[in-house]
Amino acid sequence: MATDKFEASLKKLEEIVTRLETGSLSLEDSLKAFEEGVKHSAFCSNRLDEAERRVEILLRQKDGSLKRQLFESDED
Protein backbone atom coordinates (compact mmCIF):
# COMPACT_ATOMS: atom_id res chain seq x y z
CA MET A 1 0.00 0.00 0.00
CA ALA A 2 1.23 3.52 -0.81
CA THR A 3 0.75 4.69 2.78
CA ASP A 4 3.16 2.00 3.96
CA LYS A 5 5.74 3.20 1.44
CA PHE A 6 5.29 6.79 2.64
CA GLU A 7 5.69 5.81 6.29
CA ALA A 8 8.72 3.65 5.52
CA SER A 9 10.32 6.39 3.45
CA LEU A 10 9.70 8.99 6.15
CA LYS A 11 11.19 6.70 8.78
CA LYS A 12 14.24 6.09 6.60
CA LEU A 13 14.62 9.85 6.09
CA GLU A 14 14.53 10.40 9.85
CA GLU A 15 17.20 7.72 10.32
CA ILE A 16 19.42 9.35 7.69
CA VAL A 17 19.08 12.77 9.34
CA THR A 18 20.02 11.27 12.69
CA ARG A 19 23.10 9.60 11.17
CA LEU A 20 24.15 12.82 9.45
CA GLU A 21 23.68 14.86 12.62
CA THR A 22 26.09 12.66 14.57
CA GLY A 23 28.95 13.84 12.37
CA SER A 24 30.60 10.44 12.55
CA LEU A 25 30.25 9.55 8.87
CA SER A 26 33.06 10.00 6.40
CA LEU A 27 32.62 12.61 3.70
CA GLU A 28 31.83 9.94 1.11
CA ASP A 29 29.32 8.20 3.39
CA SER A 30 27.77 11.55 4.25
CA LEU A 31 27.31 12.35 0.57
CA LYS A 32 25.73 8.95 -0.09
CA ALA A 33 23.40 9.35 2.88
CA PHE A 34 22.49 12.87 1.80
CA GLU A 35 21.72 11.68 -1.73
CA GLU A 36 19.50 8.91 -0.36
CA GLY A 37 17.81 11.41 1.94
CA VAL A 38 17.04 13.73 -0.96
CA LYS A 39 15.34 10.85 -2.78
CA HIS A 40 13.23 9.98 0.27
CA SER A 41 12.38 13.63 0.82
CA ALA A 42 11.22 14.04 -2.79
CA PHE A 43 9.13 10.87 -2.57
CA CYS A 44 7.44 12.02 0.64
CA SER A 45 6.85 15.50 -0.76
CA ASN A 46 5.23 14.06 -3.89
CA ARG A 47 2.97 11.80 -1.84
CA LEU A 48 1.88 14.74 0.33
CA ASP A 49 1.15 16.82 -2.78
CA GLU A 50 -0.98 13.97 -4.16
CA ALA A 51 -2.89 13.74 -0.88
CA GLU A 52 -3.54 17.49 -0.93
CA ARG A 53 -4.91 17.27 -4.49
CA ARG A 54 -7.20 14.40 -3.47
CA VAL A 55 -8.54 16.41 -0.54
CA GLU A 56 -9.19 19.40 -2.81
CA ILE A 57 -11.12 17.17 -5.21
CA LEU A 58 -13.23 15.91 -2.33
CA LEU A 59 -13.98 19.49 -1.24
CA ARG A 60 -14.78 20.76 -4.75
CA GLN A 61 -18.32 22.13 -5.02
CA LYS A 62 -20.79 21.21 -7.76
CA ASP A 63 -20.19 24.57 -9.46
CA GLY A 64 -16.46 23.84 -9.62
CA SER A 65 -15.47 26.23 -6.87
CA LEU A 66 -13.35 25.00 -4.03
CA LYS A 67 -14.75 25.28 -0.54
CA ARG A 68 -11.87 25.52 1.87
CA GLN A 69 -12.47 24.18 5.33
CA LEU A 70 -10.26 24.09 8.36
CA PHE A 71 -9.00 20.64 9.18
CA GLU A 72 -10.16 19.64 12.62
CA SER A 73 -7.96 17.03 14.24
CA ASP A 74 -9.03 14.72 17.01
CA GLU A 75 -6.77 16.69 19.37
CA ASP A 76 -8.85 19.90 19.05
C-alpha atoms as a PDB file:
ATOM      1  CA  MET A   1       0.000   0.000   0.000  1.00  0.00           C
ATOM      2  CA  ALA A   2       1.227   3.516  -0.810  1.00  0.00           C
ATOM      3  CA  THR A   3       0.751   4.693   2.776  1.00  0.00           C
ATOM      4  CA  ASP A   4       3.159   1.997   3.957  1.00  0.00           C
ATOM      5  CA  LYS A   5       5.739   3.203   1.445  1.00  0.00           C
ATOM      6  CA  PHE A   6       5.291   6.794   2.638  1.00  0.00           C
ATOM      7  CA  GLU A   7       5.687   5.813   6.285  1.00  0.00           C
ATOM      8  CA  ALA A   8       8.719   3.649   5.519  1.00  0.00           C
ATOM      9  CA  SER A   9      10.323   6.392   3.449  1.00  0.00           C
ATOM     10  CA  LEU A  10       9.697   8.991   6.146  1.00  0.00           C
ATOM     11  CA  LYS A  11      11.186   6.702   8.782  1.00  0.00           C
ATOM     12  CA  LYS A  12      14.244   6.087   6.597  1.00  0.00           C
ATOM     13  CA  LEU A  13      14.624   9.850   6.086  1.00  0.00           C
ATOM     14  CA  GLU A  14      14.528  10.402   9.846  1.00  0.00           C
ATOM     15  CA  GLU A  15      17.199   7.722  10.323  1.00  0.00           C
ATOM     16  CA  ILE A  16      19.418   9.351   7.694  1.00  0.00           C
ATOM     17  CA  VAL A  17      19.077  12.766   9.342  1.00  0.00           C
ATOM     18  CA  THR A  18      20.020  11.268  12.691  1.00  0.00           C
ATOM     19  CA  ARG A  19      23.102   9.603  11.173  1.00  0.00           C
ATOM     20  CA  LEU A  20      24.149  12.816   9.453  1.00  0.00           C
ATOM     21  CA  GLU A  21      23.681  14.855  12.623  1.00  0.00           C
ATOM     22  CA  THR A  22      26.091  12.660  14.566  1.00  0.00           C
ATOM     23  CA  GLY A  23      28.951  13.845  12.369  1.00  0.00           C
ATOM     24  CA  SER A  24      30.602  10.444  12.555  1.00  0.00           C
ATOM     25  CA  LEU A  25      30.250   9.552   8.868  1.00  0.00           C
ATOM     26  CA  SER A  26      33.063   9.997   6.400  1.00  0.00           C
ATOM     27  CA  LEU A  27      32.624  12.607   3.700  1.00  0.00           C
ATOM     28  CA  GLU A  28      31.835   9.940   1.112  1.00  0.00           C
ATOM     29  CA  ASP A  29      29.316   8.200   3.389  1.00  0.00           C
ATOM     30  CA  SER A  30      27.771  11.550   4.253  1.00  0.00           C
ATOM     31  CA  LEU A  31      27.308  12.349   0.566  1.00  0.00           C
ATOM     32  CA  LYS A  32      25.731   8.946  -0.094  1.00  0.00           C
ATOM     33  CA  ALA A  33      23.400   9.345   2.883  1.00  0.00           C
ATOM     34  CA  PHE A  34      22.486  12.870   1.798  1.00  0.00           C
ATOM     35  CA  GLU A  35      21.715  11.676  -1.731  1.00  0.00           C
ATOM     36  CA  GLU A  36      19.501   8.905  -0.363  1.00  0.00           C
ATOM     37  CA  GLY A  37      17.812  11.411   1.944  1.00  0.00           C
ATOM     38  CA  VAL A  38      17.036  13.734  -0.958  1.00  0.00           C
ATOM     39  CA  LYS A  39      15.342  10.847  -2.780  1.00  0.00           C
ATOM     40  CA  HIS A  40      13.229   9.979   0.265  1.00  0.00           C
ATOM     41  CA  SER A  41      12.377  13.632   0.816  1.00  0.00           C
ATOM     42  CA  ALA A  42      11.224  14.037  -2.793  1.00  0.00           C
ATOM     43  CA  PHE A  43       9.126  10.867  -2.573  1.00  0.00           C
ATOM     44  CA  CYS A  44       7.438  12.024   0.641  1.00  0.00           C
ATOM     45  CA  SER A  45       6.849  15.504  -0.759  1.00  0.00           C
ATOM     46  CA  ASN A  46       5.226  14.063  -3.890  1.00  0.00           C
ATOM     47  CA  ARG A  47       2.966  11.796  -1.837  1.00  0.00           C
ATOM     48  CA  LEU A  48       1.877  14.738   0.329  1.00  0.00           C
ATOM     49  CA  ASP A  49       1.149  16.816  -2.782  1.00  0.00           C
ATOM     50  CA  GLU A  50      -0.976  13.973  -4.157  1.00  0.00           C
ATOM     51  CA  ALA A  51      -2.887  13.740  -0.883  1.00  0.00           C
ATOM     52  CA  GLU A  52      -3.544  17.495  -0.933  1.00  0.00           C
ATOM     53  CA  ARG A  53      -4.909  17.271  -4.489  1.00  0.00           C
ATOM     54  CA  ARG A  54      -7.195  14.402  -3.474  1.00  0.00           C
ATOM     55  CA  VAL A  55      -8.536  16.415  -0.538  1.00  0.00           C
ATOM     56  CA  GLU A  56      -9.189  19.395  -2.812  1.00  0.00           C
ATOM     57  CA  ILE A  57     -11.121  17.171  -5.214  1.00  0.00           C
ATOM     58  CA  LEU A  58     -13.228  15.913  -2.335  1.00  0.00           C
ATOM     59  CA  LEU A  59     -13.983  19.487  -1.242  1.00  0.00           C
ATOM     60  CA  ARG A  60     -14.779  20.758  -4.750  1.00  0.00           C
ATOM     61  CA  GLN A  61     -18.316  22.129  -5.023  1.00  0.00           C
ATOM     62  CA  LYS A  62     -20.786  21.214  -7.763  1.00  0.00           C
ATOM     63  CA  ASP A  63     -20.195  24.574  -9.463  1.00  0.00           C
ATOM     64  CA  GLY A  64     -16.459  23.838  -9.625  1.00  0.00           C
ATOM     65  CA  SER A  65     -15.465  26.235  -6.868  1.00  0.00           C
ATOM     66  CA  LEU A  66     -13.346  24.997  -4.033  1.00  0.00           C
ATOM     67  CA  LYS A  67     -14.749  25.280  -0.539  1.00  0.00           C
ATOM     68  CA  ARG A  68     -11.867  25.521   1.873  1.00  0.00           C
ATOM     69  CA  GLN A  69     -12.472  24.179   5.330  1.00  0.00           C
ATOM     70  CA  LEU A  70     -10.257  24.087   8.360  1.00  0.00           C
ATOM     71  CA  PHE A  71      -9.002  20.641   9.182  1.00  0.00           C
ATOM     72  CA  GLU A  72     -10.157  19.637  12.621  1.00  0.00           C
ATOM     73  CA  SER A  73      -7.958  17.032  14.239  1.00  0.00           C
ATOM     74  CA  ASP A  74      -9.035  14.716  17.012  1.00  0.00           C
ATOM     75  CA  GLU A  75      -6.769  16.691  19.366  1.00  0.00           C
ATOM     76  CA  ASP A  76      -8.853  19.902  19.051  1.00  0.00           C
END
